[in-house]
């Protein structure tokens, strides 16, 4: 590109500058070249970051998988790409690869209270203090996420209902399972345990997010509100 045709990004309309465009329209509105331009930050004296990114993409037939396999030396061949920019591109490609590998892992399906115990006992079953966790499930009863609501004990009056369901909505959960441990080893639910269960159950009904169970977990066993018919 000749110097006469070069038009720096700082002179572009705000709607067209990659960073501003992302803020105004969201990340999905950006092209691959614009996203890479944000990574590298700047082009060269005669080429914008976007044009440089387009040139890099063209060299791999606009294939991001191929770009992810590019070596440092290959990236450094492009005028305007130094070591720091090449490292930024490689780091972003590696993060994308790791994300894909995590998404490929089959989500664990909850089929019974025993399955909940198997998931949570290693986390909280042997602790010397009490922890309260929420398990978030999709419509196939597979675990989307596990979230620690409190540590060191909780009462029904201190449950942050908004946080529980804000997290549920952000994950697209349709069901939740409440779990907490009793370090004392007793499996009998306290009045506070029952209050928490009802409080979250009622709140969930307003959002069509069902409280499926509440498990009290000890080192060797568990108590299920659902199994006992008191949910």
C-alpha atoms as a PDB file:
ATOM      1  CA  UNK A   1       0.000   0.000   0.000  1.00  0.00           C
ATOM      2  CA  UNK A   2       1.400   3.373  -0.920  1.00  0.00           C
ATOM      3  CA  UNK A   3       1.829   6.092   1.632  1.00  0.00           C
ATOM      4  CA  UNK A   4      -0.634   8.275  -0.334  1.00  0.00           C
ATOM      5  CA  UNK A   5      -3.433   5.731   0.182  1.00  0.00           C
ATOM      6  CA  UNK A   6      -2.751   5.212   3.871  1.00  0.00           C
ATOM      7  CA  UNK A   7      -5.466   6.560   6.169  1.00  0.00           C
ATOM      8  CA  UNK A   8      -4.677   6.035   9.902  1.00  0.00           C
ATOM      9  CA  UNK A   9      -7.349   4.469  12.106  1.00  0.00           C
ATOM     10  CA  UNK A  10      -7.354   7.541  14.365  1.00  0.00           C
ATOM     11  CA  UNK A  11      -8.847   9.490  11.430  1.00  0.00           C
ATOM     12  CA  UNK A  12     -11.639   6.963  10.841  1.00  0.00           C
ATOM     13  CA  UNK A  13     -15.242   7.473  11.919  1.00  0.00           C
ATOM     14  CA  UNK A  14     -15.725   6.322  15.525  1.00  0.00           C
ATOM     15  CA  UNK A  15     -18.183   3.681  14.311  1.00  0.00           C
ATOM     16  CA  UNK A  16     -15.445   2.150  12.159  1.00  0.00           C
ATOM     17  CA  UNK A  17     -12.557   2.149  14.637  1.00  0.00           C
ATOM     18  CA  UNK A  18     -12.212  -1.428  15.970  1.00  0.00           C
ATOM     19  CA  UNK A  19     -12.114  -0.589  19.694  1.00  0.00           C
ATOM     20  CA  UNK A  20     -14.944   1.930  19.513  1.00  0.00           C
ATOM     21  CA  UNK A  21     -16.941  -0.374  17.257  1.00  0.00           C
ATOM     22  CA  UNK A  22     -16.650  -3.175  19.814  1.00  0.00           C
ATOM     23  CA  UNK A  23     -17.859  -0.875  22.588  1.00  0.00           C
ATOM     24  CA  UNK A  24     -20.743   0.504  20.524  1.00  0.00           C
ATOM     25  CA  UNK A  25     -21.903  -2.597  18.661  1.00  0.00           C
ATOM     26  CA  UNK A  26     -20.490  -5.576  20.537  1.00  0.00           C
ATOM     27  CA  UNK A  27     -17.694  -8.021  19.734  1.00  0.00           C
ATOM     28  CA  UNK A  28     -19.743  -9.993  17.199  1.00  0.00           C
ATOM     29  CA  UNK A  29     -19.972  -6.927  14.943  1.00  0.00           C
ATOM     30  CA  UNK A  30     -16.226  -6.969  14.275  1.00  0.00           C
ATOM     31  CA  UNK A  31     -14.555  -8.832  11.441  1.00  0.00           C
ATOM     32  CA  UNK A  32     -11.663 -11.215  12.108  1.00  0.00           C
ATOM     33  CA  UNK A  33      -9.265  -8.563  10.833  1.00  0.00           C
ATOM     34  CA  UNK A  34     -10.701  -5.935  13.182  1.00  0.00           C
ATOM     35  CA  UNK A  35     -10.367  -8.261  16.183  1.00  0.00           C
ATOM     36  CA  UNK A  36      -6.749  -9.006  15.302  1.00  0.00           C
ATOM     37  CA  UNK A  37      -6.158  -5.268  14.847  1.00  0.00           C
ATOM     38  CA  UNK A  38      -7.243  -4.739  18.465  1.00  0.00           C
ATOM     39  CA  UNK A  39      -4.741  -7.400  19.531  1.00  0.00           C
ATOM     40  CA  UNK A  40      -1.789  -5.853  17.725  1.00  0.00           C
ATOM     41  CA  UNK A  41      -2.769  -2.280  18.568  1.00  0.00           C
ATOM     42  CA  UNK A  42      -1.076  -0.548  15.645  1.00  0.00           C
ATOM     43  CA  UNK A  43       0.141  -1.119  12.131  1.00  0.00           C
ATOM     44  CA  UNK A  44       3.205   0.322  10.494  1.00  0.00           C
ATOM     45  CA  UNK A  45       4.019   3.807   9.260  1.00  0.00           C
ATOM     46  CA  UNK A  46       2.270   3.182   5.954  1.00  0.00           C
ATOM     47  CA  UNK A  47      -0.397   0.637   6.925  1.00  0.00           C
ATOM     48  CA  UNK A  48      -3.223   0.597   9.465  1.00  0.00           C
ATOM     49  CA  UNK A  49      -3.574  -2.236  11.984  1.00  0.00           C
ATOM     50  CA  UNK A  50      -6.699  -3.421  10.143  1.00  0.00           C
ATOM     51  CA  UNK A  51      -4.956  -3.546   6.769  1.00  0.00           C
ATOM     52  CA  UNK A  52      -1.996  -5.344   8.312  1.00  0.00           C
ATOM     53  CA  UNK A  53      -4.388  -7.842   9.892  1.00  0.00           C
ATOM     54  CA  UNK A  54      -6.138  -8.388   6.559  1.00  0.00           C
ATOM     55  CA  UNK A  55      -2.773  -9.115   4.958  1.00  0.00           C
ATOM     56  CA  UNK A  56      -1.911 -11.630   7.673  1.00  0.00           C
ATOM     57  CA  UNK A  57      -5.280 -13.347   7.275  1.00  0.00           C
ATOM     58  CA  UNK A  58      -4.949 -13.446   3.488  1.00  0.00           C
ATOM     59  CA  UNK A  59      -1.665 -15.323   3.869  1.00  0.00           C
ATOM     60  CA  UNK A  60      -3.565 -18.177   5.575  1.00  0.00           C
ATOM     61  CA  UNK A  61      -6.606 -17.987   3.253  1.00  0.00           C
ATOM     62  CA  UNK A  62      -8.594 -16.233   6.019  1.00  0.00           C
ATOM     63  CA  UNK A  63      -8.530 -19.422   8.064  1.00  0.00           C
ATOM     64  CA  UNK A  64      -8.194 -18.817  11.820  1.00  0.00           C
ATOM     65  CA  UNK A  65      -7.199 -22.432  12.471  1.00  0.00           C
ATOM     66  CA  UNK A  66      -4.299 -21.980  10.090  1.00  0.00           C
ATOM     67  CA  UNK A  67      -3.378 -18.710  11.779  1.00  0.00           C
ATOM     68  CA  UNK A  68      -3.345 -20.535  15.102  1.00  0.00           C
ATOM     69  CA  UNK A  69      -0.637 -22.832  13.725  1.00  0.00           C
ATOM     70  CA  UNK A  70       1.564 -19.970  12.529  1.00  0.00           C
ATOM     71  CA  UNK A  71       4.990 -19.903  14.171  1.00  0.00           C
ATOM     72  CA  UNK A  72       6.658 -16.859  15.660  1.00  0.00           C
ATOM     73  CA  UNK A  73       9.047 -16.693  12.720  1.00  0.00           C
ATOM     74  CA  UNK A  74       6.180 -16.770  10.228  1.00  0.00           C
ATOM     75  CA  UNK A  75       4.412 -13.897  11.977  1.00  0.00           C
ATOM     76  CA  UNK A  76       7.610 -11.882  12.220  1.00  0.00           C
ATOM     77  CA  UNK A  77       7.916 -11.941   8.430  1.00  0.00           C
ATOM     78  CA  UNK A  78       5.148  -9.334   8.204  1.00  0.00           C
ATOM     79  CA  UNK A  79       6.323  -5.740   8.198  1.00  0.00           C
ATOM     80  CA  UNK A  80       4.776  -4.087  11.251  1.00  0.00           C
ATOM     81  CA  UNK A  81       4.726  -7.263  13.331  1.00  0.00           C
ATOM     82  CA  UNK A  82       7.390  -7.353  16.004  1.00  0.00           C
ATOM     83  CA  UNK A  83       7.906  -9.865  18.768  1.00  0.00           C
ATOM     84  CA  UNK A  84       5.325  -8.313  21.132  1.00  0.00           C
ATOM     85  CA  UNK A  85       2.572  -8.289  18.494  1.00  0.00           C
ATOM     86  CA  UNK A  86       3.397 -11.826  17.383  1.00  0.00           C
ATOM     87  CA  UNK A  87       3.190 -12.997  20.999  1.00  0.00           C
ATOM     88  CA  UNK A  88      -0.225 -11.286  21.394  1.00  0.00           C
ATOM     89  CA  UNK A  89      -1.566 -13.097  18.325  1.00  0.00           C
ATOM     90  CA  UNK A  90      -0.205 -16.460  19.460  1.00  0.00           C
ATOM     91  CA  UNK A  91      -1.576 -15.985  22.985  1.00  0.00           C
ATOM     92  CA  UNK A  92      -5.053 -15.162  21.625  1.00  0.00           C
ATOM     93  CA  UNK A  93      -4.997 -18.185  19.306  1.00  0.00           C
ATOM     94  CA  UNK A  94      -3.958 -20.444  22.192  1.00  0.00           C
ATOM     95  CA  UNK A  95      -6.787 -19.131  24.379  1.00  0.00           C
ATOM     96  CA  UNK A  96      -9.237 -19.862  21.556  1.00  0.00           C
ATOM     97  CA  UNK A  97      -7.857 -23.397  21.254  1.00  0.00           C
ATOM     98  CA  UNK A  98      -8.186 -24.009  24.991  1.00  0.00           C
ATOM     99  CA  UNK A  99     -11.735 -22.689  24.980  1.00  0.00           C
ATOM    100  CA  UNK A 100     -12.690 -25.101  22.205  1.00  0.00           C
ATOM    101  CA  UNK A 101     -11.166 -28.011  24.107  1.00  0.00           C
ATOM    102  CA  UNK A 102     -13.126 -27.110  27.248  1.00  0.00           C
ATOM    103  CA  UNK A 103     -16.381 -26.828  25.304  1.00  0.00           C
ATOM    104  CA  UNK A 104     -15.758 -30.265  23.850  1.00  0.00           C
ATOM    105  CA  UNK A 105     -15.754 -31.880  27.295  1.00  0.00           C
ATOM    106  CA  UNK A 106     -19.049 -33.660  27.877  1.00  0.00           C
ATOM    107  CA  UNK A 107     -21.061 -31.996  30.631  1.00  0.00           C
ATOM    108  CA  UNK A 108     -21.767 -34.219  33.625  1.00  0.00           C
ATOM    109  CA  UNK A 109     -25.425 -35.271  33.795  1.00  0.00           C
ATOM    110  CA  UNK A 110     -27.256 -35.399  37.129  1.00  0.00           C
ATOM    111  CA  UNK A 111     -29.486 -38.464  37.215  1.00  0.00           C
ATOM    112  CA  UNK A 112     -29.961 -38.886  40.969  1.00  0.00           C
ATOM    113  CA  UNK A 113     -29.127 -37.498  44.381  1.00  0.00           C
ATOM    114  CA  UNK A 114     -26.232 -39.972  44.483  1.00  0.00           C
ATOM    115  CA  UNK A 115     -24.787 -38.286  41.386  1.00  0.00           C
ATOM    116  CA  UNK A 116     -24.912 -34.928  43.199  1.00  0.00           C
ATOM    117  CA  UNK A 117     -23.134 -36.463  46.180  1.00  0.00           C
ATOM    118  CA  UNK A 118     -20.452 -37.925  43.898  1.00  0.00           C
ATOM    119  CA  UNK A 119     -19.803 -34.467  42.428  1.00  0.00           C
ATOM    120  CA  UNK A 120     -19.861 -32.465  45.646  1.00  0.00           C
ATOM    121  CA  UNK A 121     -18.423 -34.794  48.291  1.00  0.00           C
ATOM    122  CA  UNK A 122     -14.836 -34.303  47.082  1.00  0.00           C
ATOM    123  CA  UNK A 123     -15.359 -30.532  47.268  1.00  0.00           C
ATOM    124  CA  UNK A 124     -17.079 -30.097  50.613  1.00  0.00           C
ATOM    125  CA  UNK A 125     -17.588 -33.492  52.285  1.00  0.00           C
ATOM    126  CA  UNK A 126     -14.469 -33.416  54.409  1.00  0.00           C
ATOM    127  CA  UNK A 127     -14.222 -29.723  55.264  1.00  0.00           C
ATOM    128  CA  UNK A 128     -13.995 -28.549  58.876  1.00  0.00           C
ATOM    129  CA  UNK A 129     -16.201 -25.526  58.085  1.00  0.00           C
ATOM    130  CA  UNK A 130     -19.568 -25.211  56.352  1.00  0.00           C
ATOM    131  CA  UNK A 131     -19.881 -24.188  52.703  1.00  0.00           C
ATOM    132  CA  UNK A 132     -23.046 -23.645  50.680  1.00  0.00           C
ATOM    133  CA  UNK A 133     -22.903 -24.321  46.927  1.00  0.00           C
ATOM    134  CA  UNK A 134     -25.337 -24.016  44.035  1.00  0.00           C
ATOM    135  CA  UNK A 135     -25.210 -26.406  41.074  1.00  0.00           C
ATOM    136  CA  UNK A 136     -26.620 -24.931  37.851  1.00  0.00           C
ATOM    137  CA  UNK A 137     -28.179 -27.283  35.289  1.00  0.00           C
ATOM    138  CA  UNK A 138     -29.300 -27.006  31.673  1.00  0.00           C
ATOM    139  CA  UNK A 139     -32.532 -28.493  30.312  1.00  0.00           C
ATOM    140  CA  UNK A 140     -30.851 -31.895  29.954  1.00  0.00           C
ATOM    141  CA  UNK A 141     -29.951 -31.905  33.679  1.00  0.00           C
ATOM    142  CA  UNK A 142     -26.274 -31.475  32.836  1.00  0.00           C
ATOM    143  CA  UNK A 143     -24.072 -29.327  35.063  1.00  0.00           C
ATOM    144  CA  UNK A 144     -23.303 -25.940  33.542  1.00  0.00           C
ATOM    145  CA  UNK A 145     -21.562 -24.509  36.586  1.00  0.00           C
ATOM    146  CA  UNK A 146     -20.987 -24.850  40.328  1.00  0.00           C
ATOM    147  CA  UNK A 147     -20.991 -21.733  42.507  1.00  0.00           C
ATOM    148  CA  UNK A 148     -19.968 -21.219  46.139  1.00  0.00           C
ATOM    149  CA  UNK A 149     -22.674 -19.074  47.726  1.00  0.00           C
ATOM    150  CA  UNK A 150     -21.153 -18.862  51.195  1.00  0.00           C
ATOM    151  CA  UNK A 151     -18.391 -20.125  53.403  1.00  0.00           C
ATOM    152  CA  UNK A 152     -18.494 -20.576  57.160  1.00  0.00           C
ATOM    153  CA  UNK A 153     -22.224 -21.033  57.645  1.00  0.00           C
ATOM    154  CA  UNK A 154     -25.400 -19.356  56.465  1.00  0.00           C
ATOM    155  CA  UNK A 155     -28.897 -18.546  57.646  1.00  0.00           C
ATOM    156  CA  UNK A 156     -32.069 -18.143  55.655  1.00  0.00           C
ATOM    157  CA  UNK A 157     -32.123 -14.410  56.296  1.00  0.00           C
ATOM    158  CA  UNK A 158     -28.669 -13.943  54.752  1.00  0.00           C
ATOM    159  CA  UNK A 159     -29.239 -15.783  51.466  1.00  0.00           C
ATOM    160  CA  UNK A 160     -28.476 -13.496  48.532  1.00  0.00           C
ATOM    161  CA  UNK A 161     -31.365 -14.604  46.328  1.00  0.00           C
ATOM    162  CA  UNK A 162     -30.514 -12.049  43.640  1.00  0.00           C
ATOM    163  CA  UNK A 163     -26.970 -13.364  43.300  1.00  0.00           C
ATOM    164  CA  UNK A 164     -28.174 -16.969  43.059  1.00  0.00           C
ATOM    165  CA  UNK A 165     -30.567 -16.237  40.215  1.00  0.00           C
ATOM    166  CA  UNK A 166     -28.437 -13.600  38.511  1.00  0.00           C
ATOM    167  CA  UNK A 167     -25.827 -16.322  38.120  1.00  0.00           C
ATOM    168  CA  UNK A 168     -28.502 -18.779  36.952  1.00  0.00           C
ATOM    169  CA  UNK A 169     -29.714 -16.369  34.267  1.00  0.00           C
ATOM    170  CA  UNK A 170     -26.189 -15.537  33.096  1.00  0.00           C
ATOM    171  CA  UNK A 171     -25.509 -19.259  32.576  1.00  0.00           C
ATOM    172  CA  UNK A 172     -28.886 -19.961  30.979  1.00  0.00           C
ATOM    173  CA  UNK A 173     -29.718 -22.474  33.729  1.00  0.00           C
ATOM    174  CA  UNK A 174     -33.221 -23.936  33.976  1.00  0.00           C
ATOM    175  CA  UNK A 175     -32.693 -25.803  37.239  1.00  0.00           C
ATOM    176  CA  UNK A 176     -30.563 -25.534  40.369  1.00  0.00           C
ATOM    177  CA  UNK A 177     -29.544 -27.897  43.140  1.00  0.00           C
ATOM    178  CA  UNK A 178     -28.617 -26.577  46.587  1.00  0.00           C
ATOM    179  CA  UNK A 179     -25.851 -28.315  48.481  1.00  0.00           C
ATOM    180  CA  UNK A 180     -24.031 -27.719  51.733  1.00  0.00           C
ATOM    181  CA  UNK A 181     -21.993 -29.744  54.171  1.00  0.00           C
ATOM    182  CA  UNK A 182     -22.436 -30.473  57.867  1.00  0.00           C
ATOM    183  CA  UNK A 183     -18.957 -30.810  59.399  1.00  0.00           C
ATOM    184  CA  UNK A 184     -20.574 -32.260  62.521  1.00  0.00           C
ATOM    185  CA  UNK A 185     -21.613 -35.310  60.517  1.00  0.00           C
ATOM    186  CA  UNK A 186     -25.318 -34.950  61.266  1.00  0.00           C
ATOM    187  CA  UNK A 187     -27.677 -35.365  58.335  1.00  0.00           C
ATOM    188  CA  UNK A 188     -30.717 -33.760  59.949  1.00  0.00           C
ATOM    189  CA  UNK A 189     -31.746 -30.502  58.207  1.00  0.00           C
ATOM    190  CA  UNK A 190     -31.972 -27.475  60.487  1.00  0.00           C
ATOM    191  CA  UNK A 191     -34.791 -24.941  60.434  1.00  0.00           C
ATOM    192  CA  UNK A 192     -32.389 -22.610  58.631  1.00  0.00           C
ATOM    193  CA  UNK A 193     -31.756 -25.266  55.960  1.00  0.00           C
ATOM    194  CA  UNK A 194     -35.497 -25.555  55.387  1.00  0.00           C
ATOM    195  CA  UNK A 195     -35.964 -21.778  55.243  1.00  0.00           C
ATOM    196  CA  UNK A 196     -33.209 -21.403  52.643  1.00  0.00           C
ATOM    197  CA  UNK A 197     -34.752 -24.131  50.521  1.00  0.00           C
ATOM    198  CA  UNK A 198     -38.216 -22.569  50.547  1.00  0.00           C
ATOM    199  CA  UNK A 199     -36.924 -19.057  49.981  1.00  0.00           C
ATOM    200  CA  UNK A 200     -34.984 -20.087  46.871  1.00  0.00           C
ATOM    201  CA  UNK A 201     -37.744 -22.388  45.640  1.00  0.00           C
ATOM    202  CA  UNK A 202     -40.324 -19.569  45.724  1.00  0.00           C
ATOM    203  CA  UNK A 203     -37.948 -17.110  44.051  1.00  0.00           C
ATOM    204  CA  UNK A 204     -37.107 -19.641  41.352  1.00  0.00           C
ATOM    205  CA  UNK A 205     -40.754 -20.197  40.494  1.00  0.00           C
ATOM    206  CA  UNK A 206     -41.046 -16.545  39.470  1.00  0.00           C
ATOM    207  CA  UNK A 207     -38.212 -17.033  36.942  1.00  0.00           C
ATOM    208  CA  UNK A 208     -39.120 -20.556  35.775  1.00  0.00           C
ATOM    209  CA  UNK A 209     -35.900 -21.847  37.332  1.00  0.00           C
ATOM    210  CA  UNK A 210     -36.676 -24.920  39.385  1.00  0.00           C
ATOM    211  CA  UNK A 211     -35.013 -25.882  42.650  1.00  0.00           C
ATOM    212  CA  UNK A 212     -34.607 -29.614  42.008  1.00  0.00           C
ATOM    213  CA  UNK A 213     -33.058 -30.700  45.298  1.00  0.00           C
ATOM    214  CA  UNK A 214     -31.122 -29.683  48.382  1.00  0.00           C
ATOM    215  CA  UNK A 215     -28.440 -32.030  49.647  1.00  0.00           C
ATOM    216  CA  UNK A 216     -26.788 -32.003  53.045  1.00  0.00           C
ATOM    217  CA  UNK A 217     -23.431 -33.698  52.609  1.00  0.00           C
ATOM    218  CA  UNK A 218     -21.085 -35.287  55.126  1.00  0.00           C
ATOM    219  CA  UNK A 219     -17.877 -37.214  54.667  1.00  0.00           C
ATOM    220  CA  UNK A 220     -19.622 -40.524  54.007  1.00  0.00           C
ATOM    221  CA  UNK A 221     -23.297 -39.852  53.339  1.00  0.00           C
ATOM    222  CA  UNK A 222     -25.974 -37.335  52.397  1.00  0.00           C
ATOM    223  CA  UNK A 223     -29.551 -36.219  52.983  1.00  0.00           C
ATOM    224  CA  UNK A 224     -31.712 -35.313  49.974  1.00  0.00           C
ATOM    225  CA  UNK A 225     -34.750 -33.057  50.425  1.00  0.00           C
ATOM    226  CA  UNK A 226     -36.177 -34.424  47.182  1.00  0.00           C
ATOM    227  CA  UNK A 227     -35.705 -38.091  48.106  1.00  0.00           C
ATOM    228  CA  UNK A 228     -37.333 -37.443  51.485  1.00  0.00           C
ATOM    229  CA  UNK A 229     -40.302 -35.643  49.898  1.00  0.00           C
ATOM    230  CA  UNK A 230     -39.813 -32.363  51.784  1.00  0.00           C
ATOM    231  CA  UNK A 231     -38.703 -30.104  48.932  1.00  0.00           C
END
